[in-house]
Amino acid sequence: MPHKSYIPVFYVVTRAGRRTSPSDYWTWGEAEAAAKKMRAWLSKWNDKDASKIQIIKTTDPQSII
């Protein structure tokens, strides 16, 4: 049986296409919690970017600036 190499998957929270923090998340749940916190913080300040928070699934988190 051939050995398959494991490629780790990370989740990165972005705001308008840019990272919100240097953190990478191992699970969707962790990323979603961080995204919700960021949306709430931005909404508190009436920032229009609150709707631009996204979670990106990637195998190369360093490529997201």
PDB file of N, CA and C in Angstrom:
ATOM      1  N   MET A   1       0.850  -1.177   0.000  1.00  0.00           N
ATOM      2  CA  MET A   1       0.000   0.000   0.000  1.00  0.00           C
ATOM      3  C   MET A   1       0.894   1.239   0.000  1.00  0.00           C
ATOM      4  N   PRO A   2       0.721   2.154  -0.956  1.00  0.00           N
ATOM      5  CA  PRO A   2       1.546   3.352  -1.009  1.00  0.00           C
ATOM      6  C   PRO A   2       1.236   4.300   0.147  1.00  0.00           C
ATOM      7  N   HIS A   3       2.268   4.963   0.615  1.00  0.00           N
ATOM      8  CA  HIS A   3       2.129   5.915   1.712  1.00  0.00           C
ATOM      9  C   HIS A   3       1.725   7.282   1.158  1.00  0.00           C
ATOM     10  N   LYS A   4       0.625   7.822   1.637  1.00  0.00           N
ATOM     11  CA  LYS A   4       0.172   9.141   1.201  1.00  0.00           C
ATOM     12  C   LYS A   4       0.777  10.197   2.128  1.00  0.00           C
ATOM     13  N   SER A   5       1.291  11.251   1.542  1.00  0.00           N
ATOM     14  CA  SER A   5       1.836  12.319   2.370  1.00  0.00           C
ATOM     15  C   SER A   5       0.683  13.190   2.878  1.00  0.00           C
ATOM     16  N   TYR A   6       0.838  13.647   4.092  1.00  0.00           N
ATOM     17  CA  TYR A   6      -0.181  14.463   4.736  1.00  0.00           C
ATOM     18  C   TYR A   6       0.139  15.938   4.520  1.00  0.00           C
ATOM     19  N   ILE A   7      -0.807  16.677   3.971  1.00  0.00           N
ATOM     20  CA  ILE A   7      -0.654  18.116   3.781  1.00  0.00           C
ATOM     21  C   ILE A   7      -1.603  18.805   4.760  1.00  0.00           C
ATOM     22  N   PRO A   8      -1.054  19.526   5.735  1.00  0.00           N
ATOM     23  CA  PRO A   8      -1.922  20.169   6.731  1.00  0.00           C
ATOM     24  C   PRO A   8      -2.751  21.298   6.117  1.00  0.00           C
ATOM     25  N   VAL A   9      -3.942  21.468   6.647  1.00  0.00           N
ATOM     26  CA  VAL A   9      -4.862  22.517   6.197  1.00  0.00           C
ATOM     27  C   VAL A   9      -5.004  23.518   7.334  1.00  0.00           C
ATOM     28  N   PHE A  10      -4.947  24.791   6.989  1.00  0.00           N
ATOM     29  CA  PHE A  10      -5.091  25.861   7.959  1.00  0.00           C
ATOM     30  C   PHE A  10      -6.247  26.761   7.550  1.00  0.00           C
ATOM     31  N   TYR A  11      -6.755  27.498   8.523  1.00  0.00           N
ATOM     32  CA  TYR A  11      -7.798  28.489   8.271  1.00  0.00           C
ATOM     33  C   TYR A  11      -7.266  29.839   8.718  1.00  0.00           C
ATOM     34  N   VAL A  12      -7.449  30.852   7.873  1.00  0.00           N
ATOM     35  CA  VAL A  12      -6.949  32.198   8.146  1.00  0.00           C
ATOM     36  C   VAL A  12      -8.124  33.163   8.066  1.00  0.00           C
ATOM     37  N   VAL A  13      -8.252  34.023   9.073  1.00  0.00           N
ATOM     38  CA  VAL A  13      -9.308  35.032   9.089  1.00  0.00           C
ATOM     39  C   VAL A  13      -8.771  36.282   8.399  1.00  0.00           C
ATOM     40  N   THR A  14      -9.538  36.770   7.423  1.00  0.00           N
ATOM     41  CA  THR A  14      -9.116  37.956   6.679  1.00  0.00           C
ATOM     42  C   THR A  14     -10.174  39.051   6.759  1.00  0.00           C
ATOM     43  N   ARG A  15      -9.707  40.267   6.558  1.00  0.00           N
ATOM     44  CA  ARG A  15     -10.575  41.450   6.502  1.00  0.00           C
ATOM     45  C   ARG A  15     -10.254  42.153   5.197  1.00  0.00           C
ATOM     46  N   ALA A  16     -11.199  42.159   4.282  1.00  0.00           N
ATOM     47  CA  ALA A  16     -11.012  42.757   2.957  1.00  0.00           C
ATOM     48  C   ALA A  16      -9.780  42.172   2.265  1.00  0.00           C
ATOM     49  N   GLY A  17      -9.584  40.858   2.417  1.00  0.00           N
ATOM     50  CA  GLY A  17      -8.502  40.158   1.730  1.00  0.00           C
ATOM     51  C   GLY A  17      -7.164  40.138   2.434  1.00  0.00           C
ATOM     52  N   ARG A  18      -7.057  40.791   3.578  1.00  0.00           N
ATOM     53  CA  ARG A  18      -5.798  40.818   4.332  1.00  0.00           C
ATOM     54  C   ARG A  18      -5.987  40.168   5.690  1.00  0.00           C
ATOM     55  N   ARG A  19      -4.928  39.582   6.217  1.00  0.00           N
ATOM     56  CA  ARG A  19      -4.989  38.929   7.524  1.00  0.00           C
ATOM     57  C   ARG A  19      -5.452  39.892   8.617  1.00  0.00           C
ATOM     58  N   THR A  20      -6.212  39.373   9.566  1.00  0.00           N
ATOM     59  CA  THR A  20      -6.597  40.176  10.724  1.00  0.00           C
ATOM     60  C   THR A  20      -5.596  40.011  11.858  1.00  0.00           C
ATOM     61  N   SER A  21      -4.825  38.916  11.833  1.00  0.00           N
ATOM     62  CA  SER A  21      -3.812  38.665  12.856  1.00  0.00           C
ATOM     63  C   SER A  21      -2.796  37.664  12.295  1.00  0.00           C
ATOM     64  N   PRO A  22      -1.664  37.508  12.952  1.00  0.00           N
ATOM     65  CA  PRO A  22      -0.679  36.541  12.468  1.00  0.00           C
ATOM     66  C   PRO A  22      -1.064  35.083  12.761  1.00  0.00           C
ATOM     67  N   SER A  23      -2.166  34.877  13.433  1.00  0.00           N
ATOM     68  CA  SER A  23      -2.584  33.524  13.826  1.00  0.00           C
ATOM     69  C   SER A  23      -3.168  32.725  12.665  1.00  0.00           C
ATOM     70  N   ASP A  24      -2.825  31.438  12.648  1.00  0.00           N
ATOM     71  CA  ASP A  24      -3.449  30.461  11.752  1.00  0.00           C
ATOM     72  C   ASP A  24      -4.256  29.528  12.654  1.00  0.00           C
ATOM     73  N   TYR A  25      -5.365  29.023  12.154  1.00  0.00           N
ATOM     74  CA  TYR A  25      -6.221  28.160  12.965  1.00  0.00           C
ATOM     75  C   TYR A  25      -6.265  26.768  12.359  1.00  0.00           C
ATOM     76  N   TRP A  26      -6.266  25.756  13.230  1.00  0.00           N
ATOM     77  CA  TRP A  26      -6.289  24.361  12.790  1.00  0.00           C
ATOM     78  C   TRP A  26      -7.694  23.888  12.456  1.00  0.00           C
ATOM     79  N   THR A  27      -8.715  24.517  13.069  1.00  0.00           N
ATOM     80  CA  THR A  27     -10.091  24.074  12.828  1.00  0.00           C
ATOM     81  C   THR A  27     -10.959  25.248  12.366  1.00  0.00           C
ATOM     82  N   TRP A  28     -12.030  24.898  11.670  1.00  0.00           N
ATOM     83  CA  TRP A  28     -12.990  25.908  11.214  1.00  0.00           C
ATOM     84  C   TRP A  28     -13.628  26.596  12.424  1.00  0.00           C
ATOM     85  N   GLY A  29     -13.906  25.838  13.463  1.00  0.00           N
ATOM     86  CA  GLY A  29     -14.539  26.394  14.663  1.00  0.00           C
ATOM     87  C   GLY A  29     -13.709  27.482  15.318  1.00  0.00           C
ATOM     88  N   GLU A  30     -12.399  27.266  15.419  1.00  0.00           N
ATOM     89  CA  GLU A  30     -11.504  28.279  15.990  1.00  0.00           C
ATOM     90  C   GLU A  30     -11.512  29.543  15.132  1.00  0.00           C
ATOM     91  N   ALA A  31     -11.440  29.356  13.832  1.00  0.00           N
ATOM     92  CA  ALA A  31     -11.441  30.494  12.911  1.00  0.00           C
ATOM     93  C   ALA A  31     -12.778  31.231  12.964  1.00  0.00           C
ATOM     94  N   GLU A  32     -13.863  30.497  13.049  1.00  0.00           N
ATOM     95  CA  GLU A  32     -15.194  31.112  13.108  1.00  0.00           C
ATOM     96  C   GLU A  32     -15.353  31.940  14.387  1.00  0.00           C
ATOM     97  N   ALA A  33     -14.829  31.441  15.508  1.00  0.00           N
ATOM     98  CA  ALA A  33     -14.895  32.190  16.765  1.00  0.00           C
ATOM     99  C   ALA A  33     -14.112  33.498  16.648  1.00  0.00           C
ATOM    100  N   ALA A  34     -12.934  33.442  16.046  1.00  0.00           N
ATOM    101  CA  ALA A  34     -12.127  34.653  15.857  1.00  0.00           C
ATOM    102  C   ALA A  34     -12.820  35.624  14.901  1.00  0.00           C
ATOM    103  N   ALA A  35     -13.443  35.096  13.851  1.00  0.00           N
ATOM    104  CA  ALA A  35     -14.154  35.938  12.881  1.00  0.00           C
ATOM    105  C   ALA A  35     -15.358  36.618  13.534  1.00  0.00           C
ATOM    106  N   LYS A  36     -16.098  35.886  14.348  1.00  0.00           N
ATOM    107  CA  LYS A  36     -17.256  36.471  15.035  1.00  0.00           C
ATOM    108  C   LYS A  36     -16.827  37.584  15.974  1.00  0.00           C
ATOM    109  N   LYS A  37     -15.715  37.360  16.685  1.00  0.00           N
ATOM    110  CA  LYS A  37     -15.199  38.376  17.599  1.00  0.00           C
ATOM    111  C   LYS A  37     -14.802  39.638  16.821  1.00  0.00           C
ATOM    112  N   MET A  38     -14.150  39.438  15.686  1.00  0.00           N
ATOM    113  CA  MET A  38     -13.724  40.576  14.861  1.00  0.00           C
ATOM    114  C   MET A  38     -14.937  41.322  14.301  1.00  0.00           C
ATOM    115  N   ARG A  39     -15.949  40.575  13.836  1.00  0.00           N
ATOM    116  CA  ARG A  39     -17.163  41.222  13.310  1.00  0.00           C
ATOM    117  C   ARG A  39     -17.855  42.047  14.388  1.00  0.00           C
ATOM    118  N   ALA A  40     -17.943  41.487  15.603  1.00  0.00           N
ATOM    119  CA  ALA A  40     -18.591  42.204  16.706  1.00  0.00           C
ATOM    120  C   ALA A  40     -17.820  43.468  17.047  1.00  0.00           C
ATOM    121  N   TRP A  41     -16.494  43.384  17.070  1.00  0.00           N
ATOM    122  CA  TRP A  41     -15.662  44.540  17.383  1.00  0.00           C
ATOM    123  C   TRP A  41     -15.831  45.624  16.325  1.00  0.00           C
ATOM    124  N   LEU A  42     -15.825  45.245  15.054  1.00  0.00           N
ATOM    125  CA  LEU A  42     -15.981  46.215  13.970  1.00  0.00           C
ATOM    126  C   LEU A  42     -17.390  46.818  13.954  1.00  0.00           C
ATOM    127  N   SER A  43     -18.396  45.989  14.234  1.00  0.00           N
ATOM    128  CA  SER A  43     -19.777  46.482  14.273  1.00  0.00           C
ATOM    129  C   SER A  43     -19.962  47.502  15.390  1.00  0.00           C
ATOM    130  N   LYS A  44     -19.284  47.274  16.510  1.00  0.00           N
ATOM    131  CA  LYS A  44     -19.369  48.202  17.642  1.00  0.00           C
ATOM    132  C   LYS A  44     -18.904  49.598  17.224  1.00  0.00           C
ATOM    133  N   TRP A  45     -17.937  49.654  16.331  1.00  0.00           N
ATOM    134  CA  TRP A  45     -17.391  50.926  15.874  1.00  0.00           C
ATOM    135  C   TRP A  45     -18.007  51.369  14.534  1.00  0.00           C
ATOM    136  N   ASN A  46     -19.083  50.713  14.111  1.00  0.00           N
ATOM    137  CA  ASN A  46     -19.768  51.028  12.852  1.00  0.00           C
ATOM    138  C   ASN A  46     -18.834  50.993  11.645  1.00  0.00           C
ATOM    139  N   ASP A  47     -17.904  50.069  11.655  1.00  0.00           N
ATOM    140  CA  ASP A  47     -16.956  49.908  10.546  1.00  0.00           C
ATOM    141  C   ASP A  47     -17.602  49.068   9.455  1.00  0.00           C
ATOM    142  N   LYS A  48     -17.596  49.564   8.232  1.00  0.00           N
ATOM    143  CA  LYS A  48     -18.225  48.855   7.117  1.00  0.00           C
ATOM    144  C   LYS A  48     -17.500  47.557   6.755  1.00  0.00           C
ATOM    145  N   ASP A  49     -16.260  47.403   7.196  1.00  0.00           N
ATOM    146  CA  ASP A  49     -15.513  46.180   6.913  1.00  0.00           C
ATOM    147  C   ASP A  49     -16.029  44.975   7.698  1.00  0.00           C
ATOM    148  N   ALA A  50     -16.960  45.171   8.603  1.00  0.00           N
ATOM    149  CA  ALA A  50     -17.504  44.048   9.372  1.00  0.00           C
ATOM    150  C   ALA A  50     -18.099  42.987   8.438  1.00  0.00           C
ATOM    151  N   SER A  51     -18.602  43.415   7.307  1.00  0.00           N
ATOM    152  CA  SER A  51     -19.189  42.468   6.354  1.00  0.00           C
ATOM    153  C   SER A  51     -18.126  41.843   5.441  1.00  0.00           C
ATOM    154  N   LYS A  52     -16.890  42.305   5.549  1.00  0.00           N
ATOM    155  CA  LYS A  52     -15.814  41.806   4.687  1.00  0.00           C
ATOM    156  C   LYS A  52     -14.906  40.801   5.395  1.00  0.00           C
ATOM    157  N   ILE A  53     -15.309  40.338   6.574  1.00  0.00           N
ATOM    158  CA  ILE A  53     -14.531  39.332   7.296  1.00  0.00           C
ATOM    159  C   ILE A  53     -14.813  37.973   6.666  1.00  0.00           C
ATOM    160  N   GLN A  54     -13.749  37.267   6.289  1.00  0.00           N
ATOM    161  CA  GLN A  54     -13.885  35.949   5.666  1.00  0.00           C
ATOM    162  C   GLN A  54     -12.895  34.972   6.293  1.00  0.00           C
ATOM    163  N   ILE A  55     -13.178  33.693   6.107  1.00  0.00           N
ATOM    164  CA  ILE A  55     -12.262  32.639   6.530  1.00  0.00           C
ATOM    165  C   ILE A  55     -11.758  31.953   5.270  1.00  0.00           C
ATOM    166  N   ILE A  56     -10.442  31.890   5.137  1.00  0.00           N
ATOM    167  CA  ILE A  56      -9.816  31.274   3.971  1.00  0.00           C
ATOM    168  C   ILE A  56      -9.216  29.932   4.389  1.00  0.00           C
ATOM    169  N   LYS A  57      -9.545  28.885   3.665  1.00  0.00           N
ATOM    170  CA  LYS A  57      -8.964  27.557   3.883  1.00  0.00           C
ATOM    171  C   LYS A  57      -7.756  27.425   2.965  1.00  0.00           C
ATOM    172  N   THR A  58      -6.591  27.085   3.535  1.00  0.00           N
ATOM    173  CA  THR A  58      -5.372  27.052   2.730  1.00  0.00           C
ATOM    174  C   THR A  58      -4.375  26.020   3.256  1.00  0.00           C
ATOM    175  N   THR A  59      -3.495  25.586   2.386  1.00  0.00           N
ATOM    176  CA  THR A  59      -2.384  24.726   2.798  1.00  0.00           C
ATOM    177  C   THR A  59      -1.097  25.544   2.883  1.00  0.00           C
ATOM    178  N   ASP A  60      -1.166  26.818   2.492  1.00  0.00           N
ATOM    179  CA  ASP A  60      -0.002  27.704   2.514  1.00  0.00           C
ATOM    180  C   ASP A  60      -0.396  29.038   3.173  1.00  0.00           C
ATOM    181  N   PRO A  61      -0.528  29.061   4.509  1.00  0.00           N
ATOM    182  CA  PRO A  61      -1.003  30.274   5.183  1.00  0.00           C
ATOM    183  C   PRO A  61      -0.071  31.478   5.047  1.00  0.00           C
ATOM    184  N   GLN A  62       1.228  31.223   4.808  1.00  0.00           N
ATOM    185  CA  GLN A  62       2.168  32.326   4.666  1.00  0.00           C
ATOM    186  C   GLN A  62       1.908  33.140   3.394  1.00  0.00           C
ATOM    187  N   SER A  63       1.188  32.570   2.451  1.00  0.00           N
ATOM    188  CA  SER A  63       0.911  33.285   1.202  1.00  0.00           C
ATOM    189  C   SER A  63      -0.165  34.359   1.367  1.00  0.00           C
ATOM    190  N   ILE A  64      -0.892  34.324   2.487  1.00  0.00           N
ATOM    191  CA  ILE A  64      -1.920  35.328   2.751  1.00  0.00           C
ATOM    192  C   ILE A  64      -1.302  36.411   3.625  1.00  0.00           C
ATOM    193  N   ILE A  65      -1.213  37.581   3.072  1.00  0.00           N
ATOM    194  CA  ILE A  65      -0.519  38.683   3.770  1.00  0.00           C
ATOM    195  C   ILE A  65      -1.482  39.443   4.644  1.00  0.00           C
TER     196      ILE A  65
END
